[in-house]
């Protein structure tokens, strides 16, 4: 939320989204390495009562569109405390629709929405996962946990398939589940080295408040492996 809150608060004085330090850091990294980034986004933040995603500016639409090949937004949760398994289907749909409307206001382009997302706490029951899927500009997949916990509505066995194979196809509900690599770099490197399945689609994540540098070792390492940067949602688009 913090980079969007900054655009709301200070955007009038900015000539570019890259006047914001976080967006600038991502662009520096992208220009150097080719990396692509999805910002998993909260609609509100309980510790910042005046932040609301609906207030994002439309001033920078052309710039977001020009950079959508490597920078996109995805729905995370209503706020940093919400577990999507604990809310009603109506509340889930309202939250997702609010996110979509705000990102369109911000970017002017629905293609700036990444349709494979990581919901907060890797949490959702099946009903709400399908709400997010069937919403306008809805999701086509979810990023699963970076450890051995059971993700979302999956069974323990299904989560284990995702963990060992790097992905799990939920054919019945038409959702792709993709494992995220461990948030600790040493462990993530060991995963990449020991399981070639993780090299087919390598998803890393970290929290916005932890981002202190444009130098991110996992991206450099993936480049040495010959990885191609992109969005999994572009690979797994449903046939219509």
Protein backbone atom coordinates (compact mmCIF):
# COMPACT_ATOMS: atom_id res chain seq x y z
CA UNK A 1 0.00 0.00 0.00
CA UNK A 2 2.83 2.43 0.84
CA UNK A 3 3.88 3.28 -2.72
CA UNK A 4 0.25 3.91 -3.70
CA UNK A 5 -0.33 5.99 -0.58
CA UNK A 6 2.68 8.08 -1.57
CA UNK A 7 1.20 8.67 -5.04
CA UNK A 8 -2.04 9.76 -3.37
CA UNK A 9 -0.23 12.07 -0.95
CA UNK A 10 2.61 13.45 -3.08
CA UNK A 11 1.64 12.60 -6.63
CA UNK A 12 0.72 16.17 -7.54
CA UNK A 13 4.36 17.13 -7.15
CA UNK A 14 5.70 14.15 -9.12
CA UNK A 15 6.46 14.26 -12.82
CA UNK A 16 6.80 10.46 -12.94
CA UNK A 17 5.85 7.42 -10.89
CA UNK A 18 9.59 6.84 -10.64
CA UNK A 19 9.90 9.92 -8.45
CA UNK A 20 8.61 7.50 -5.82
CA UNK A 21 11.60 5.66 -4.32
CA UNK A 22 10.00 2.21 -4.37
CA UNK A 23 8.88 2.36 -8.00
CA UNK A 24 12.30 3.80 -8.86
CA UNK A 25 14.02 0.90 -7.12
CA UNK A 26 11.96 -1.62 -9.11
CA UNK A 27 12.72 0.14 -12.40
CA UNK A 28 16.45 0.25 -11.61
CA UNK A 29 16.34 -3.50 -11.03
CA UNK A 30 14.24 -4.16 -14.13
CA UNK A 31 16.53 -2.09 -16.35
CA UNK A 32 19.56 -3.98 -15.05
CA UNK A 33 18.19 -7.52 -14.94
CA UNK A 34 14.93 -7.68 -16.93
CA UNK A 35 12.97 -8.75 -13.85
CA UNK A 36 9.18 -8.43 -13.72
CA UNK A 37 7.26 -7.38 -10.61
CA UNK A 38 3.72 -7.81 -9.35
CA UNK A 39 2.61 -5.60 -6.47
CA UNK A 40 0.15 -7.56 -4.34
CA UNK A 41 -2.06 -4.78 -3.11
CA UNK A 42 -4.22 -4.00 -0.08
CA UNK A 43 -7.34 -1.85 -0.49
CA UNK A 44 -6.91 -0.30 2.95
CA UNK A 45 -4.42 -0.38 5.82
CA UNK A 46 -5.60 -0.44 9.42
CA UNK A 47 -2.59 1.52 10.68
CA UNK A 48 -3.12 4.32 8.12
CA UNK A 49 -6.81 5.26 8.37
CA UNK A 50 -6.69 7.82 5.55
CA UNK A 51 -5.25 5.37 3.01
CA UNK A 52 -7.85 3.99 0.61
CA UNK A 53 -6.98 2.54 -2.77
CA UNK A 54 -10.00 4.27 -4.30
CA UNK A 55 -8.12 7.57 -3.99
CA UNK A 56 -5.27 6.67 -6.34
CA UNK A 57 -4.60 9.33 -9.00
CA UNK A 58 -5.21 8.94 -12.73
CA UNK A 59 -2.34 11.31 -13.57
CA UNK A 60 0.16 8.54 -14.37
CA UNK A 61 -1.97 6.25 -16.53
CA UNK A 62 0.18 6.54 -19.65
CA UNK A 63 3.33 5.74 -17.68
CA UNK A 64 1.86 2.65 -16.04
CA UNK A 65 0.67 1.48 -19.46
CA UNK A 66 4.14 2.01 -20.93
CA UNK A 67 5.64 -0.22 -18.21
CA UNK A 68 2.99 -2.95 -17.96
CA UNK A 69 5.28 -5.49 -19.62
CA UNK A 70 7.19 -5.72 -16.32
CA UNK A 71 5.09 -3.94 -13.64
CA UNK A 72 1.58 -5.00 -12.64
CA UNK A 73 -0.79 -5.10 -9.67
CA UNK A 74 -2.66 -8.01 -8.08
CA UNK A 75 -5.29 -8.26 -5.36
CA UNK A 76 -3.87 -9.24 -1.96
CA UNK A 77 -6.69 -8.63 0.56
CA UNK A 78 -8.95 -5.88 1.86
CA UNK A 79 -6.31 -5.02 4.48
CA UNK A 80 -3.26 -6.50 6.17
CA UNK A 81 -5.31 -8.37 8.77
CA UNK A 82 -7.93 -9.99 6.54
CA UNK A 83 -7.96 -13.74 5.94
CA UNK A 84 -9.96 -14.36 2.77
CA UNK A 85 -11.20 -17.66 4.20
CA UNK A 86 -13.01 -15.76 6.95
CA UNK A 87 -15.07 -13.30 4.89
CA UNK A 88 -18.36 -13.78 3.08
CA UNK A 89 -18.55 -14.25 -0.67
CA UNK A 90 -20.26 -10.85 -0.96
CA UNK A 91 -17.43 -9.17 0.96
CA UNK A 92 -14.84 -10.96 -1.17
CA UNK A 93 -16.48 -9.77 -4.39
CA UNK A 94 -16.81 -6.21 -3.10
CA UNK A 95 -13.12 -6.13 -2.15
CA UNK A 96 -11.99 -7.51 -5.49
CA UNK A 97 -14.22 -5.16 -7.49
CA UNK A 98 -12.90 -2.20 -5.49
CA UNK A 99 -9.34 -3.25 -6.32
CA UNK A 100 -10.09 -3.63 -10.04
CA UNK A 101 -11.81 -0.23 -10.24
CA UNK A 102 -8.93 1.46 -8.45
CA UNK A 103 -6.22 -0.12 -10.61
CA UNK A 104 -8.13 0.90 -13.72
CA UNK A 105 -8.35 4.44 -12.35
CA UNK A 106 -4.60 4.34 -11.66
CA UNK A 107 -3.49 2.80 -14.95
CA UNK A 108 -6.36 3.09 -17.44
CA UNK A 109 -5.64 -0.47 -18.56
CA UNK A 110 -7.00 -3.77 -17.22
CA UNK A 111 -3.86 -5.47 -18.55
CA UNK A 112 -2.02 -3.85 -15.66
CA UNK A 113 -3.81 -6.37 -13.40
CA UNK A 114 -1.94 -9.62 -12.78
CA UNK A 115 -4.44 -12.46 -12.64
CA UNK A 116 -2.21 -14.84 -10.69
CA UNK A 117 -2.06 -13.48 -7.17
CA UNK A 118 -0.92 -14.27 -3.67
CA UNK A 119 -3.81 -13.73 -1.27
CA UNK A 120 -2.93 -12.62 2.25
CA UNK A 121 -1.69 -15.44 4.50
CA UNK A 122 -2.18 -17.85 1.54
CA UNK A 123 -5.76 -17.93 2.78
CA UNK A 124 -9.05 -18.52 0.99
CA UNK A 125 -11.81 -21.06 1.02
CA UNK A 126 -12.91 -22.49 -2.32
CA UNK A 127 -16.05 -20.36 -2.47
CA UNK A 128 -14.10 -17.12 -2.29
CA UNK A 129 -11.36 -18.35 -4.62
CA UNK A 130 -14.10 -18.92 -7.20
CA UNK A 131 -15.54 -15.48 -6.46
CA UNK A 132 -12.16 -13.98 -7.37
CA UNK A 133 -11.96 -16.21 -10.44
CA UNK A 134 -15.43 -15.42 -11.75
CA UNK A 135 -15.28 -11.68 -11.09
CA UNK A 136 -14.79 -9.36 -14.04
CA UNK A 137 -11.04 -9.35 -14.76
CA UNK A 138 -10.79 -12.19 -12.26
CA UNK A 139 -7.87 -14.39 -11.34
CA UNK A 140 -6.70 -17.50 -13.17
CA UNK A 141 -4.43 -18.76 -10.42
CA UNK A 142 -2.87 -18.41 -6.99
CA UNK A 143 0.65 -18.41 -5.59
CA UNK A 144 1.02 -21.03 -2.88
CA UNK A 145 3.10 -20.98 0.28
CA UNK A 146 6.88 -20.90 0.35
CA UNK A 147 6.94 -23.58 3.05
CA UNK A 148 5.07 -26.79 3.90
CA UNK A 149 1.81 -25.25 5.11
CA UNK A 150 -1.42 -26.07 3.29
CA UNK A 151 -2.45 -23.22 0.98
CA UNK A 152 -5.94 -21.85 0.41
CA UNK A 153 -8.63 -24.49 -0.10
CA UNK A 154 -6.24 -27.21 -1.23
CA UNK A 155 -5.93 -30.52 0.53
CA UNK A 156 -2.64 -31.35 2.19
CA UNK A 157 -1.88 -33.74 -0.68
CA UNK A 158 -2.59 -31.08 -3.34
CA UNK A 159 -0.40 -28.55 -1.54
CA UNK A 160 2.36 -31.14 -1.42
CA UNK A 161 2.11 -31.63 -5.19
CA UNK A 162 2.49 -27.88 -5.66
CA UNK A 163 5.47 -27.87 -3.31
CA UNK A 164 7.29 -30.73 -5.02
CA UNK A 165 6.34 -30.07 -8.63
CA UNK A 166 6.38 -26.28 -8.49
CA UNK A 167 2.75 -26.09 -9.56
CA UNK A 168 -0.59 -27.83 -9.26
CA UNK A 169 -3.40 -27.74 -11.82
CA UNK A 170 -6.84 -27.63 -10.24
CA UNK A 171 -8.62 -28.88 -13.33
CA UNK A 172 -12.04 -29.07 -11.71
CA UNK A 173 -12.02 -25.39 -10.76
CA UNK A 174 -9.76 -24.24 -13.60
CA UNK A 175 -7.12 -22.60 -11.42
CA UNK A 176 -3.33 -22.89 -11.63
CA UNK A 177 -1.48 -23.00 -8.30
CA UNK A 178 2.19 -21.99 -8.45
CA UNK A 179 4.64 -22.41 -5.57
CA UNK A 180 6.60 -19.42 -4.31
CA UNK A 181 10.23 -20.01 -3.42
CA UNK A 182 11.34 -19.64 0.17
CA UNK A 183 11.53 -16.03 1.33
CA UNK A 184 15.00 -16.69 2.76
CA UNK A 185 17.54 -16.38 -0.08
CA UNK A 186 19.88 -19.17 1.09
CA UNK A 187 16.98 -21.62 1.29
CA UNK A 188 15.53 -20.41 -2.02
CA UNK A 189 18.88 -20.97 -3.75
CA UNK A 190 19.03 -24.47 -2.31
CA UNK A 191 15.53 -25.12 -3.65
CA UNK A 192 16.51 -23.93 -7.12
CA UNK A 193 19.67 -26.04 -7.07
CA UNK A 194 18.01 -29.21 -5.80
CA UNK A 195 14.71 -29.27 -7.70
CA UNK A 196 14.75 -28.45 -11.43
CA UNK A 197 10.94 -28.18 -11.37
CA UNK A 198 11.32 -24.81 -9.61
CA UNK A 199 13.31 -23.45 -12.54
CA UNK A 200 10.34 -23.77 -14.88
CA UNK A 201 8.50 -21.05 -12.98
CA UNK A 202 10.41 -19.26 -10.22
CA UNK A 203 8.32 -16.91 -8.07
CA UNK A 204 9.98 -14.89 -5.31
CA UNK A 205 8.28 -12.49 -2.93
CA UNK A 206 9.13 -10.06 -0.19
CA UNK A 207 7.30 -7.37 1.73
CA UNK A 208 7.36 -3.76 0.63
CA UNK A 209 8.70 -2.55 3.98
CA UNK A 210 11.65 -4.95 3.66
CA UNK A 211 12.76 -3.53 0.33
CA UNK A 212 15.93 -1.55 0.89
CA UNK A 213 17.84 -2.03 -2.33
CA UNK A 214 17.52 -2.55 -6.06
CA UNK A 215 20.15 -5.29 -5.76
CA UNK A 216 18.24 -8.55 -5.34
CA UNK A 217 20.44 -11.67 -5.41
CA UNK A 218 17.75 -14.15 -6.48
CA UNK A 219 17.18 -12.24 -9.72
CA UNK A 220 20.87 -12.15 -10.55
CA UNK A 221 21.12 -15.88 -9.81
CA UNK A 222 18.15 -16.75 -12.00
CA UNK A 223 19.83 -14.85 -14.82
CA UNK A 224 22.90 -17.08 -14.48
CA UNK A 225 20.54 -20.06 -14.91
CA UNK A 226 19.23 -18.61 -18.18
CA UNK A 227 15.74 -17.87 -16.86
CA UNK A 228 13.40 -15.75 -18.98
CA UNK A 229 11.56 -13.00 -17.11
CA UNK A 230 7.81 -12.67 -17.47
CA UNK A 231 4.44 -13.12 -15.80
CA UNK A 232 3.08 -16.66 -15.32
CA UNK A 233 -0.37 -15.24 -15.99
CA UNK A 234 0.74 -14.65 -19.59
CA UNK A 235 1.73 -18.32 -19.90
CA UNK A 236 -1.44 -19.78 -18.44
CA UNK A 237 -4.11 -17.61 -20.03
CA UNK A 238 -7.32 -19.63 -20.36
CA UNK A 239 -8.53 -20.66 -23.80
CA UNK A 240 -11.78 -18.86 -24.59
